[in-house]
Amino acid sequence: NASMQIANVSQGGLGLPDRDYYSDTDAKSQETRQKYLEHVAKMFVLLGDDEAAAKKEAQAVMDIETKLADAAFKRVQMRDPKNRDHKMKVTELAALAPNFKFDRYFSSTSAPSFTEVNVVPPDFFQKVNGVVESVPVADWKTYLRWHAVRSAAPTLSDPFVRENFAFYGQYLNGQKEL
């Protein structure tokens, strides 16, 4: 119904482009994961952490993202509208994934109130619900700190811009220069 708008929640939370980057076992995928770990650690060092702590933090990020990737649908699955369109009541979403505290999140966004939401895909939230509870809070803080610096990196000081470009621009996308 094109005359209506609906809130949408979708799988995500990965620093690599796709879930398969975390699970494929070919040499290139393994190399990419190793380069990603090194990149994340370098960014934590730029934030002021010592190298040993940065490596540990990078591994915590990788562990969480791997769990998120394991729960996520593959790209081909996400192309199928049957896997993307799951309209449900907000209360049903809250029951599906109670550890997400969606009611708190939605009310804090200052969005207009709504009672229905499209969940893409429900399986992701159901699977990750247990991950939310099983991962230590300290690791979640590290993960969130990583994603904050990752998203801001292009607008931070030159060392952040260059390190971000070295991994995402050059290594992943083959760009020659910034």
Protein backbone atom coordinates (compact mmCIF):
# COMPACT_ATOMS: atom_id res chain seq x y z
CA ASN A 1 0.00 0.00 0.00
CA ALA A 2 1.94 2.99 -1.31
CA SER A 3 -0.16 5.47 0.67
CA MET A 4 1.12 4.10 3.98
CA GLN A 5 4.47 4.21 5.74
CA ILE A 6 5.76 1.49 8.02
CA ALA A 7 8.69 1.28 10.41
CA ASN A 8 11.32 -1.24 9.41
CA VAL A 9 13.91 -3.21 11.39
CA SER A 10 16.48 -5.22 9.50
CA GLN A 11 19.45 -7.50 10.06
CA GLY A 12 22.81 -5.80 10.22
CA GLY A 13 25.66 -4.88 12.50
CA LEU A 14 28.54 -6.16 10.38
CA GLY A 15 31.77 -4.31 9.60
CA LEU A 16 32.49 -6.46 6.55
CA PRO A 17 30.22 -6.14 3.51
CA ASP A 18 28.33 -9.41 3.79
CA ARG A 19 27.70 -12.38 6.07
CA ASP A 20 29.72 -14.70 3.83
CA TYR A 21 32.93 -12.77 4.60
CA TYR A 22 32.71 -14.26 8.11
CA SER A 23 32.04 -17.87 7.15
CA ASP A 24 33.63 -18.65 3.78
CA THR A 25 36.73 -20.82 4.17
CA ASP A 26 38.62 -20.01 0.96
CA ALA A 27 42.05 -18.38 1.23
CA LYS A 28 40.84 -14.91 0.19
CA SER A 29 38.08 -14.90 2.83
CA GLN A 30 40.52 -15.97 5.51
CA GLU A 31 42.94 -13.25 4.41
CA THR A 32 40.15 -10.66 4.47
CA ARG A 33 39.18 -11.60 8.03
CA GLN A 34 42.82 -11.33 9.11
CA LYS A 35 43.20 -7.93 7.43
CA TYR A 36 39.94 -6.81 9.07
CA LEU A 37 41.20 -7.86 12.52
CA GLU A 38 44.42 -5.92 11.90
CA HIS A 39 42.47 -2.89 10.71
CA VAL A 40 40.14 -2.90 13.72
CA ALA A 41 43.12 -3.21 16.06
CA LYS A 42 44.89 -0.29 14.33
CA MET A 43 41.81 1.85 14.76
CA PHE A 44 41.68 1.03 18.48
CA VAL A 45 45.35 2.00 18.74
CA LEU A 46 44.51 5.31 17.05
CA LEU A 47 41.85 5.76 19.74
CA GLY A 48 44.63 5.48 22.34
CA ASP A 49 44.59 1.82 23.33
CA ASP A 50 47.84 -0.15 23.63
CA GLU A 51 48.48 -2.83 21.03
CA ALA A 52 47.70 -5.81 23.29
CA ALA A 53 44.35 -4.34 24.34
CA ALA A 54 43.57 -3.36 20.74
CA LYS A 55 44.12 -6.93 19.49
CA LYS A 56 41.86 -8.29 22.23
CA GLU A 57 39.19 -5.69 21.40
CA ALA A 58 39.43 -6.46 17.68
CA GLN A 59 38.85 -10.14 18.44
CA ALA A 60 35.80 -9.29 20.58
CA VAL A 61 34.38 -7.29 17.65
CA MET A 62 35.06 -10.17 15.26
CA ASP A 63 33.43 -12.66 17.63
CA ILE A 64 30.24 -10.60 17.92
CA GLU A 65 30.07 -9.84 14.21
CA THR A 66 30.57 -13.52 13.39
CA LYS A 67 27.59 -14.39 15.60
CA LEU A 68 25.51 -11.71 13.86
CA ALA A 69 26.62 -13.02 10.47
CA ASP A 70 25.69 -16.58 11.43
CA ALA A 71 22.15 -15.38 12.17
CA ALA A 72 21.84 -13.27 9.02
CA PHE A 73 20.27 -14.33 5.74
CA LYS A 74 22.47 -14.63 2.65
CA ARG A 75 22.20 -11.97 -0.08
CA VAL A 76 20.21 -14.28 -2.35
CA GLN A 77 17.73 -14.98 0.44
CA MET A 78 17.35 -11.23 1.04
CA ARG A 79 16.35 -10.69 -2.59
CA ASP A 80 13.20 -12.74 -2.09
CA PRO A 81 10.29 -10.53 -0.91
CA LYS A 82 8.94 -13.46 1.13
CA ASN A 83 12.06 -13.16 3.28
CA ARG A 84 11.87 -9.37 3.56
CA ASP A 85 8.22 -8.68 4.19
CA HIS A 86 7.13 -9.64 7.70
CA LYS A 87 4.63 -7.15 9.03
CA MET A 88 3.96 -7.69 12.71
CA LYS A 89 2.77 -5.82 15.73
CA VAL A 90 5.47 -4.16 17.83
CA THR A 91 4.34 -6.36 20.72
CA GLU A 92 4.96 -9.47 18.59
CA LEU A 93 8.48 -8.23 17.78
CA ALA A 94 9.10 -7.58 21.47
CA ALA A 95 8.00 -11.15 22.27
CA LEU A 96 10.16 -12.54 19.44
CA ALA A 97 13.32 -10.82 20.71
CA PRO A 98 12.80 -9.55 24.28
CA ASN A 99 16.51 -8.88 24.91
CA PHE A 100 16.47 -6.11 22.30
CA LYS A 101 14.17 -3.89 24.37
CA PHE A 102 12.54 -2.51 21.23
CA ASP A 103 9.94 -0.57 23.22
CA ARG A 104 12.71 1.48 24.87
CA TYR A 105 14.52 1.95 21.59
CA PHE A 106 11.46 3.06 19.63
CA SER A 107 10.38 5.52 22.30
CA SER A 108 13.88 7.02 22.51
CA THR A 109 14.05 7.77 18.77
CA SER A 110 11.37 10.48 18.92
CA ALA A 111 9.70 8.81 15.96
CA PRO A 112 5.93 9.05 15.73
CA SER A 113 4.33 6.17 17.61
CA PHE A 114 3.41 3.10 15.62
CA THR A 115 1.95 -0.29 16.38
CA GLU A 116 3.20 -2.29 13.40
CA VAL A 117 6.66 -2.85 12.01
CA ASN A 118 8.22 -4.74 9.10
CA VAL A 119 10.84 -7.18 10.42
CA VAL A 120 13.56 -8.23 7.96
CA PRO A 121 13.95 -11.19 8.67
CA PRO A 122 12.36 -12.33 11.95
CA ASP A 123 14.77 -15.30 12.18
CA PHE A 124 17.71 -12.90 12.59
CA PHE A 125 16.21 -11.19 15.61
CA GLN A 126 15.14 -14.45 17.16
CA LYS A 127 18.65 -15.91 16.81
CA VAL A 128 20.47 -12.76 17.91
CA ASN A 129 18.19 -12.42 20.93
CA GLY A 130 20.28 -15.10 22.66
CA VAL A 131 23.53 -13.46 21.56
CA VAL A 132 22.48 -10.21 23.24
CA GLU A 133 22.22 -12.06 26.53
CA SER A 134 25.28 -14.32 26.18
CA VAL A 135 27.91 -11.72 25.21
CA PRO A 136 29.45 -9.78 28.14
CA VAL A 137 28.48 -6.11 28.40
CA ALA A 138 32.16 -5.10 28.13
CA ASP A 139 32.36 -6.78 24.72
CA TRP A 140 29.18 -5.01 23.57
CA LYS A 141 30.73 -1.70 24.63
CA THR A 142 33.83 -2.53 22.59
CA TYR A 143 31.66 -3.49 19.61
CA LEU A 144 29.69 -0.23 19.84
CA ARG A 145 32.88 1.79 20.26
CA TRP A 146 34.23 0.15 17.11
CA HIS A 147 31.11 0.91 15.08
CA ALA A 148 31.11 4.51 16.30
CA VAL A 149 34.70 5.08 15.16
CA ARG A 150 34.14 3.12 11.95
CA SER A 151 31.20 5.27 10.93
CA ALA A 152 32.96 8.51 11.89
CA ALA A 153 36.40 7.60 10.49
CA PRO A 154 36.04 9.46 7.16
CA THR A 155 35.45 12.70 9.09
CA LEU A 156 38.08 12.27 11.82
CA SER A 157 41.75 13.29 11.75
CA ASP A 158 44.07 12.20 8.96
CA PRO A 159 45.37 8.98 10.61
CA PHE A 160 41.80 7.67 10.95
CA VAL A 161 40.90 8.69 7.40
CA ARG A 162 44.00 6.98 5.98
CA GLU A 163 43.59 3.76 7.97
CA ASN A 164 39.91 3.57 7.09
CA PHE A 165 40.71 4.11 3.41
CA ALA A 166 43.56 1.56 3.48
CA PHE A 167 41.14 -1.19 4.48
CA TYR A 168 37.75 -0.23 3.02
CA GLY A 169 38.88 1.78 0.00
CA GLN A 170 42.08 0.06 -1.10
CA TYR A 171 41.90 -3.48 0.21
CA LEU A 172 38.19 -4.20 -0.12
CA ASN A 173 37.30 -2.01 -3.08
CA GLY A 174 40.57 -1.68 -5.00
CA GLN A 175 40.67 2.10 -5.02
CA LYS A 176 44.07 3.47 -5.96
CA GLU A 177 43.94 6.73 -4.05
CA LEU A 178 41.89 8.61 -1.53
